Each structure stands twice: as structure tokens, then as C-alpha cells.
Amino acid sequence: MAETQEKAQEVLTPIYEEMTFSATQVKSIDVLVRGIQVAQRRGAFNLQESSSLNEAFKEIIPGYGEAPVQAETAGEEALAS
């Protein structure tokens, strides 16, 4: 299965490198990503599928998977009040 994914990646990479997206397309991709995240929270994917989606998100979303330090700190401050 990994071999098939690698072959697909080799074929598709040149296509993706030449692509540009309009603002509307970027918004549509964002909606798709958010929909996938909702489905994940609802348990729609098995562990392997979740891992694959996580890796894909890391490729297209800058900083995906990194802990938001400022948000955590702000939340802790709100709880302390």
C-alpha cells in the first residue's frame, strides 16, 4: 500500500507544484479541512486513516499540530481568575 502511495505522489507532485489557488478555492479547502476535523472528532476514521490525515494536514497547514502556547496560557489565566 505504501508503494502505491509513493507512486501516486511521484506522479502528482509535478501537477501540484504548478497549481495556484484563488481565494474562493482556499476557502473551500478550509471548509473541507474543517469538515474532516469534525468527522475525526466524531470518530469517523480508524487510527491509520487519522494518521494519514494528520500527515496531510501538516503538509498544507502551517504550524498544524504544534501546541498553541499563547492560547493555553490565556486559558490558564482565565481559569485562575
PDB file of N, CA and C in Angstrom:
ATOM      1  N   MET A   1       0.818  -1.188   0.000  1.00  0.00           N
ATOM      2  CA  MET A   1       0.000   0.000   0.000  1.00  0.00           C
ATOM      3  C   MET A   1       0.869   1.262   0.000  1.00  0.00           C
ATOM      4  N   ALA A   2       1.926   1.274   0.794  1.00  0.00           N
ATOM      5  CA  ALA A   2       2.818   2.424   0.840  1.00  0.00           C
ATOM      6  C   ALA A   2       3.474   2.649  -0.515  1.00  0.00           C
ATOM      7  N   GLU A   3       3.776   1.550  -1.212  1.00  0.00           N
ATOM      8  CA  GLU A   3       4.394   1.658  -2.531  1.00  0.00           C
ATOM      9  C   GLU A   3       3.449   2.347  -3.509  1.00  0.00           C
ATOM     10  N   THR A   4       2.178   2.017  -3.437  1.00  0.00           N
ATOM     11  CA  THR A   4       1.180   2.643  -4.306  1.00  0.00           C
ATOM     12  C   THR A   4       1.066   4.129  -4.009  1.00  0.00           C
ATOM     13  N   GLN A   5       1.094   4.493  -2.736  1.00  0.00           N
ATOM     14  CA  GLN A   5       1.020   5.903  -2.359  1.00  0.00           C
ATOM     15  C   GLN A   5       2.246   6.660  -2.853  1.00  0.00           C
ATOM     16  N   GLU A   6       3.418   6.031  -2.769  1.00  0.00           N
ATOM     17  CA  GLU A   6       4.641   6.678  -3.244  1.00  0.00           C
ATOM     18  C   GLU A   6       4.577   6.915  -4.747  1.00  0.00           C
ATOM     19  N   LYS A   7       4.084   5.928  -5.507  1.00  0.00           N
ATOM     20  CA  LYS A   7       3.961   6.088  -6.957  1.00  0.00           C
ATOM     21  C   LYS A   7       2.989   7.209  -7.295  1.00  0.00           C
ATOM     22  N   ALA A   8       1.870   7.260  -6.587  1.00  0.00           N
ATOM     23  CA  ALA A   8       0.887   8.322  -6.815  1.00  0.00           C
ATOM     24  C   ALA A   8       1.498   9.682  -6.506  1.00  0.00           C
ATOM     25  N   GLN A   9       2.271   9.755  -5.434  1.00  0.00           N
ATOM     26  CA  GLN A   9       2.920  11.013  -5.059  1.00  0.00           C
ATOM     27  C   GLN A   9       3.886  11.470  -6.142  1.00  0.00           C
ATOM     28  N   GLU A  10       4.662  10.538  -6.702  1.00  0.00           N
ATOM     29  CA  GLU A  10       5.617  10.880  -7.752  1.00  0.00           C
ATOM     30  C   GLU A  10       4.913  11.439  -8.979  1.00  0.00           C
ATOM     31  N   VAL A  11       3.760  10.881  -9.307  1.00  0.00           N
ATOM     32  CA  VAL A  11       3.010  11.323 -10.480  1.00  0.00           C
ATOM     33  C   VAL A  11       2.347  12.670 -10.225  1.00  0.00           C
ATOM     34  N   LEU A  12       1.794  12.856  -9.031  1.00  0.00           N
ATOM     35  CA  LEU A  12       1.017  14.052  -8.745  1.00  0.00           C
ATOM     36  C   LEU A  12       1.853  15.256  -8.319  1.00  0.00           C
ATOM     37  N   THR A  13       3.031  15.053  -7.780  1.00  0.00           N
ATOM     38  CA  THR A  13       3.841  16.166  -7.282  1.00  0.00           C
ATOM     39  C   THR A  13       4.057  17.248  -8.334  1.00  0.00           C
ATOM     40  N   PRO A  14       4.471  16.916  -9.562  1.00  0.00           N
ATOM     41  CA  PRO A  14       4.660  17.989 -10.551  1.00  0.00           C
ATOM     42  C   PRO A  14       3.369  18.764 -10.827  1.00  0.00           C
ATOM     43  N   ILE A  15       2.239  18.100 -10.788  1.00  0.00           N
ATOM     44  CA  ILE A  15       0.959  18.771 -11.028  1.00  0.00           C
ATOM     45  C   ILE A  15       0.698  19.778  -9.916  1.00  0.00           C
ATOM     46  N   TYR A  16       0.881  19.369  -8.662  1.00  0.00           N
ATOM     47  CA  TYR A  16       0.623  20.247  -7.532  1.00  0.00           C
ATOM     48  C   TYR A  16       1.559  21.446  -7.509  1.00  0.00           C
ATOM     49  N   GLU A  17       2.785  21.268  -7.913  1.00  0.00           N
ATOM     50  CA  GLU A  17       3.751  22.358  -7.874  1.00  0.00           C
ATOM     51  C   GLU A  17       3.367  23.478  -8.832  1.00  0.00           C
ATOM     52  N   GLU A  18       2.614  23.166  -9.875  1.00  0.00           N
ATOM     53  CA  GLU A  18       2.224  24.160 -10.857  1.00  0.00           C
ATOM     54  C   GLU A  18       0.880  24.809 -10.531  1.00  0.00           C
ATOM     55  N   MET A  19       0.195  24.329  -9.515  1.00  0.00           N
ATOM     56  CA  MET A  19      -1.141  24.817  -9.208  1.00  0.00           C
ATOM     57  C   MET A  19      -1.100  26.091  -8.377  1.00  0.00           C
ATOM     58  N   THR A  20      -2.025  26.971  -8.655  1.00  0.00           N
ATOM     59  CA  THR A  20      -2.262  28.130  -7.811  1.00  0.00           C
ATOM     60  C   THR A  20      -3.748  28.132  -7.472  1.00  0.00           C
ATOM     61  N   PHE A  21      -4.091  28.703  -6.346  1.00  0.00           N
ATOM     62  CA  PHE A  21      -5.471  28.668  -5.885  1.00  0.00           C
ATOM     63  C   PHE A  21      -6.019  30.077  -5.722  1.00  0.00           C
ATOM     64  N   SER A  22      -7.268  30.247  -6.098  1.00  0.00           N
ATOM     65  CA  SER A  22      -7.949  31.522  -5.881  1.00  0.00           C
ATOM     66  C   SER A  22      -8.376  31.597  -4.422  1.00  0.00           C
ATOM     67  N   ALA A  23      -8.798  32.778  -4.005  1.00  0.00           N
ATOM     68  CA  ALA A  23      -9.263  32.952  -2.622  1.00  0.00           C
ATOM     69  C   ALA A  23     -10.470  32.056  -2.351  1.00  0.00           C
ATOM     70  N   THR A  24     -11.348  31.918  -3.323  1.00  0.00           N
ATOM     71  CA  THR A  24     -12.531  31.065  -3.164  1.00  0.00           C
ATOM     72  C   THR A  24     -12.120  29.609  -2.999  1.00  0.00           C
ATOM     73  N   GLN A  25     -11.134  29.172  -3.761  1.00  0.00           N
ATOM     74  CA  GLN A  25     -10.662  27.792  -3.646  1.00  0.00           C
ATOM     75  C   GLN A  25     -10.018  27.550  -2.291  1.00  0.00           C
ATOM     76  N   VAL A  26      -9.259  28.499  -1.797  1.00  0.00           N
ATOM     77  CA  VAL A  26      -8.627  28.366  -0.485  1.00  0.00           C
ATOM     78  C   VAL A  26      -9.697  28.257   0.596  1.00  0.00           C
ATOM     79  N   LYS A  27     -10.748  29.070   0.486  1.00  0.00           N
ATOM     80  CA  LYS A  27     -11.844  28.987   1.452  1.00  0.00           C
ATOM     81  C   LYS A  27     -12.528  27.624   1.381  1.00  0.00           C
ATOM     82  N   SER A  28     -12.688  27.102   0.171  1.00  0.00           N
ATOM     83  CA  SER A  28     -13.306  25.785   0.006  1.00  0.00           C
ATOM     84  C   SER A  28     -12.448  24.691   0.616  1.00  0.00           C
ATOM     85  N   ILE A  29     -11.139  24.785   0.448  1.00  0.00           N
ATOM     86  CA  ILE A  29     -10.225  23.817   1.056  1.00  0.00           C
ATOM     87  C   ILE A  29     -10.333  23.905   2.576  1.00  0.00           C
ATOM     88  N   ASP A  30     -10.435  25.120   3.093  1.00  0.00           N
ATOM     89  CA  ASP A  30     -10.579  25.305   4.536  1.00  0.00           C
ATOM     90  C   ASP A  30     -11.856  24.635   5.036  1.00  0.00           C
ATOM     91  N   VAL A  31     -12.953  24.772   4.306  1.00  0.00           N
ATOM     92  CA  VAL A  31     -14.206  24.127   4.692  1.00  0.00           C
ATOM     93  C   VAL A  31     -14.041  22.608   4.698  1.00  0.00           C
ATOM     94  N   LEU A  32     -13.369  22.073   3.688  1.00  0.00           N
ATOM     95  CA  LEU A  32     -13.130  20.624   3.633  1.00  0.00           C
ATOM     96  C   LEU A  32     -12.293  20.158   4.822  1.00  0.00           C
ATOM     97  N   VAL A  33     -11.239  20.892   5.126  1.00  0.00           N
ATOM     98  CA  VAL A  33     -10.373  20.530   6.251  1.00  0.00           C
ATOM     99  C   VAL A  33     -11.165  20.547   7.548  1.00  0.00           C
ATOM    100  N   ARG A  34     -11.957  21.582   7.748  1.00  0.00           N
ATOM    101  CA  ARG A  34     -12.753  21.674   8.978  1.00  0.00           C
ATOM    102  C   ARG A  34     -13.776  20.543   9.055  1.00  0.00           C
ATOM    103  N   GLY A  35     -14.356  20.182   7.915  1.00  0.00           N
ATOM    104  CA  GLY A  35     -15.298  19.065   7.892  1.00  0.00           C
ATOM    105  C   GLY A  35     -14.633  17.758   8.262  1.00  0.00           C
ATOM    106  N   ILE A  36     -13.430  17.557   7.765  1.00  0.00           N
ATOM    107  CA  ILE A  36     -12.677  16.346   8.112  1.00  0.00           C
ATOM    108  C   ILE A  36     -12.356  16.338   9.600  1.00  0.00           C
ATOM    109  N   GLN A  37     -11.996  17.490  10.144  1.00  0.00           N
ATOM    110  CA  GLN A  37     -11.690  17.563  11.572  1.00  0.00           C
ATOM    111  C   GLN A  37     -12.921  17.250  12.425  1.00  0.00           C
ATOM    112  N   VAL A  38     -14.082  17.719  12.012  1.00  0.00           N
ATOM    113  CA  VAL A  38     -15.321  17.414  12.738  1.00  0.00           C
ATOM    114  C   VAL A  38     -15.588  15.912  12.683  1.00  0.00           C
ATOM    115  N   ALA A  39     -15.447  15.333  11.495  1.00  0.00           N
ATOM    116  CA  ALA A  39     -15.666  13.892  11.348  1.00  0.00           C
ATOM    117  C   ALA A  39     -14.687  13.110  12.220  1.00  0.00           C
ATOM    118  N   GLN A  40     -13.450  13.575  12.309  1.00  0.00           N
ATOM    119  CA  GLN A  40     -12.450  12.905  13.147  1.00  0.00           C
ATOM    120  C   GLN A  40     -12.861  12.949  14.611  1.00  0.00           C
ATOM    121  N   ARG A  41     -13.309  14.108  15.072  1.00  0.00           N
ATOM    122  CA  ARG A  41     -13.743  14.226  16.470  1.00  0.00           C
ATOM    123  C   ARG A  41     -14.926  13.313  16.768  1.00  0.00           C
ATOM    124  N   ARG A  42     -15.714  13.026  15.758  1.00  0.00           N
ATOM    125  CA  ARG A  42     -16.872  12.146  15.933  1.00  0.00           C
ATOM    126  C   ARG A  42     -16.516  10.672  15.774  1.00  0.00           C
ATOM    127  N   GLY A  43     -15.237  10.392  15.517  1.00  0.00           N
ATOM    128  CA  GLY A  43     -14.772   9.013  15.439  1.00  0.00           C
ATOM    129  C   GLY A  43     -15.006   8.340  14.095  1.00  0.00           C
ATOM    130  N   ALA A  44     -15.038   9.119  13.031  1.00  0.00           N
ATOM    131  CA  ALA A  44     -15.337   8.575  11.704  1.00  0.00           C
ATOM    132  C   ALA A  44     -14.174   7.798  11.087  1.00  0.00           C
ATOM    133  N   PHE A  45     -12.957   8.001  11.571  1.00  0.00           N
ATOM    134  CA  PHE A  45     -11.780   7.396  10.954  1.00  0.00           C
ATOM    135  C   PHE A  45     -11.072   6.457  11.919  1.00  0.00           C
ATOM    136  N   ASN A  46     -10.477   5.386  11.361  1.00  0.00           N
ATOM    137  CA  ASN A  46      -9.678   4.495  12.197  1.00  0.00           C
ATOM    138  C   ASN A  46      -8.301   5.122  12.420  1.00  0.00           C
ATOM    139  N   LEU A  47      -7.463   4.462  13.182  1.00  0.00           N
ATOM    140  CA  LEU A  47      -6.164   5.025  13.558  1.00  0.00           C
ATOM    141  C   LEU A  47      -5.274   5.299  12.353  1.00  0.00           C
ATOM    142  N   GLN A  48      -5.219   4.370  11.403  1.00  0.00           N
ATOM    143  CA  GLN A  48      -4.388   4.550  10.212  1.00  0.00           C
ATOM    144  C   GLN A  48      -4.875   5.738   9.378  1.00  0.00           C
ATOM    145  N   GLU A  49      -6.183   5.841   9.205  1.00  0.00           N
ATOM    146  CA  GLU A  49      -6.745   6.957   8.441  1.00  0.00           C
ATOM    147  C   GLU A  49      -6.472   8.284   9.138  1.00  0.00           C
ATOM    148  N   SER A  50      -6.606   8.298  10.448  1.00  0.00           N
ATOM    149  CA  SER A  50      -6.336   9.506  11.222  1.00  0.00           C
ATOM    150  C   SER A  50      -4.883   9.939  11.066  1.00  0.00           C
ATOM    151  N   SER A  51      -3.991   8.981  11.091  1.00  0.00           N
ATOM    152  CA  SER A  51      -2.569   9.275  10.930  1.00  0.00           C
ATOM    153  C   SER A  51      -2.289   9.866   9.550  1.00  0.00           C
ATOM    154  N   SER A  52      -2.883   9.280   8.531  1.00  0.00           N
ATOM    155  CA  SER A  52      -2.699   9.787   7.165  1.00  0.00           C
ATOM    156  C   SER A  52      -3.234  11.207   7.024  1.00  0.00           C
ATOM    157  N   LEU A  53      -4.395  11.457   7.598  1.00  0.00           N
ATOM    158  CA  LEU A  53      -4.974  12.802   7.549  1.00  0.00           C
ATOM    159  C   LEU A  53      -4.109  13.795   8.315  1.00  0.00           C
ATOM    160  N   ASN A  54      -3.585  13.379   9.461  1.00  0.00           N
ATOM    161  CA  ASN A  54      -2.718  14.249  10.244  1.00  0.00           C
ATOM    162  C   ASN A  54      -1.484  14.651   9.446  1.00  0.00           C
ATOM    163  N   GLU A  55      -0.879  13.700   8.761  1.00  0.00           N
ATOM    164  CA  GLU A  55       0.302  13.999   7.937  1.00  0.00           C
ATOM    165  C   GLU A  55      -0.053  14.944   6.799  1.00  0.00           C
ATOM    166  N   ALA A  56      -1.215  14.742   6.193  1.00  0.00           N
ATOM    167  CA  ALA A  56      -1.647  15.633   5.108  1.00  0.00           C
ATOM    168  C   ALA A  56      -1.873  17.047   5.630  1.00  0.00           C
ATOM    169  N   PHE A  57      -2.507  17.156   6.799  1.00  0.00           N
ATOM    170  CA  PHE A  57      -2.734  18.470   7.386  1.00  0.00           C
ATOM    171  C   PHE A  57      -1.415  19.182   7.664  1.00  0.00           C
ATOM    172  N   LYS A  58      -0.430  18.452   8.153  1.00  0.00           N
ATOM    173  CA  LYS A  58       0.876  19.053   8.435  1.00  0.00           C
ATOM    174  C   LYS A  58       1.510  19.625   7.173  1.00  0.00           C
ATOM    175  N   GLU A  59       1.240  19.016   6.030  1.00  0.00           N
ATOM    176  CA  GLU A  59       1.805  19.484   4.765  1.00  0.00           C
ATOM    177  C   GLU A  59       1.136  20.753   4.259  1.00  0.00           C
ATOM    178  N   ILE A  60      -0.165  20.902   4.500  1.00  0.00           N
ATOM    179  CA  ILE A  60      -0.869  22.033   3.897  1.00  0.00           C
ATOM    180  C   ILE A  60      -1.202  23.159   4.875  1.00  0.00           C
ATOM    181  N   ILE A  61      -1.116  22.892   6.177  1.00  0.00           N
ATOM    182  CA  ILE A  61      -1.474  23.904   7.166  1.00  0.00           C
ATOM    183  C   ILE A  61      -0.236  24.251   7.986  1.00  0.00           C
ATOM    184  N   PRO A  62       0.304  25.470   7.808  1.00  0.00           N
ATOM    185  CA  PRO A  62       1.490  25.855   8.569  1.00  0.00           C
ATOM    186  C   PRO A  62       1.240  25.785  10.072  1.00  0.00           C
ATOM    187  N   GLY A  63       2.121  25.112  10.791  1.00  0.00           N
ATOM    188  CA  GLY A  63       2.019  25.026  12.242  1.00  0.00           C
ATOM    189  C   GLY A  63       1.000  24.038  12.751  1.00  0.00           C
ATOM    190  N   TYR A  64       0.402  23.228  11.868  1.00  0.00           N
ATOM    191  CA  TYR A  64      -0.606  22.265  12.320  1.00  0.00           C
ATOM    192  C   TYR A  64       0.032  21.251  13.255  1.00  0.00           C
ATOM    193  N   GLY A  65      -0.610  20.996  14.361  1.00  0.00           N
ATOM    194  CA  GLY A  65      -0.119  20.011  15.318  1.00  0.00           C
ATOM    195  C   GLY A  65       0.789  20.593  16.382  1.00  0.00           C
ATOM    196  N   GLU A  66       1.183  21.852  16.222  1.00  0.00           N
ATOM    197  CA  GLU A  66       2.003  22.488  17.248  1.00  0.00           C
ATOM    198  C   GLU A  66       1.086  23.066  18.316  1.00  0.00           C
ATOM    199  N   ALA A  67       1.508  22.954  19.556  1.00  0.00           N
ATOM    200  CA  ALA A  67       0.698  23.451  20.667  1.00  0.00           C
ATOM    201  C   ALA A  67       0.629  24.975  20.623  1.00  0.00           C
ATOM    202  N   PRO A  68      -0.562  25.535  20.653  1.00  0.00           N
ATOM    203  CA  PRO A  68      -0.701  26.995  20.679  1.00  0.00           C
ATOM    204  C   PRO A  68      -0.395  27.533  22.072  1.00  0.00           C
ATOM    205  N   VAL A  69       0.840  27.919  22.301  1.00  0.00           N
ATOM    206  CA  VAL A  69       1.311  28.317  23.627  1.00  0.00           C
ATOM    207  C   VAL A  69       0.516  29.494  24.166  1.00  0.00           C
ATOM    208  N   GLN A  70       0.285  30.518  23.358  1.00  0.00           N
ATOM    209  CA  GLN A  70      -0.421  31.700  23.837  1.00  0.00           C
ATOM    210  C   GLN A  70      -1.851  31.364  24.226  1.00  0.00           C
ATOM    211  N   ALA A  71      -2.520  30.527  23.448  1.00  0.00           N
ATOM    212  CA  ALA A  71      -3.907  30.181  23.746  1.00  0.00           C
ATOM    213  C   ALA A  71      -3.991  29.398  25.069  1.00  0.00           C
ATOM    214  N   GLU A  72      -3.053  28.496  25.290  1.00  0.00           N
ATOM    215  CA  GLU A  72      -3.057  27.740  26.530  1.00  0.00           C
ATOM    216  C   GLU A  72      -2.824  28.646  27.718  1.00  0.00           C
ATOM    217  N   THR A  73      -1.888  29.565  27.575  1.00  0.00           N
ATOM    218  CA  THR A  73      -1.578  30.493  28.658  1.00  0.00           C
ATOM    219  C   THR A  73      -2.786  31.369  28.959  1.00  0.00           C
ATOM    220  N   ALA A  74      -3.447  31.860  27.920  1.00  0.00           N
ATOM    221  CA  ALA A  74      -4.625  32.693  28.112  1.00  0.00           C
ATOM    222  C   ALA A  74      -5.730  31.902  28.813  1.00  0.00           C
ATOM    223  N   GLY A  75      -5.904  30.658  28.454  1.00  0.00           N
ATOM    224  CA  GLY A  75      -6.917  29.811  29.079  1.00  0.00           C
ATOM    225  C   GLY A  75      -6.616  29.573  30.549  1.00  0.00           C
ATOM    226  N   GLU A  76      -5.350  29.359  30.858  1.00  0.00           N
ATOM    227  CA  GLU A  76      -4.952  29.143  32.246  1.00  0.00           C
ATOM    228  C   GLU A  76      -5.179  30.394  33.080  1.00  0.00           C
ATOM    229  N   GLU A  77      -4.910  31.565  32.476  1.00  0.00           N
ATOM    230  CA  GLU A  77      -5.124  32.826  33.183  1.00  0.00           C
ATOM    231  C   GLU A  77      -6.603  33.041  33.457  1.00  0.00           C
ATOM    232  N   ALA A  78      -7.447  32.661  32.506  1.00  0.00           N
ATOM    233  CA  ALA A  78      -8.890  32.818  32.691  1.00  0.00           C
ATOM    234  C   ALA A  78      -9.391  31.907  33.804  1.00  0.00           C
ATOM    235  N   LEU A  79      -8.835  30.710  33.891  1.00  0.00           N
ATOM    236  CA  LEU A  79      -9.236  29.779  34.939  1.00  0.00           C
ATOM    237  C   LEU A  79      -8.779  30.250  36.317  1.00  0.00           C
ATOM    238  N   ALA A  80      -7.622  30.899  36.364  1.00  0.00           N
ATOM    239  CA  ALA A  80      -7.073  31.374  37.628  1.00  0.00           C
ATOM    240  C   ALA A  80      -7.870  32.556  38.195  1.00  0.00           C
ATOM    241  N   SER A  81      -8.573  33.268  37.339  1.00  0.00           N
ATOM    242  CA  SER A  81      -9.317  34.472  37.773  1.00  0.00           C
ATOM    243  C   SER A  81     -10.529  34.133  38.579  1.00  0.00           C
TER     244      SER A  81
END
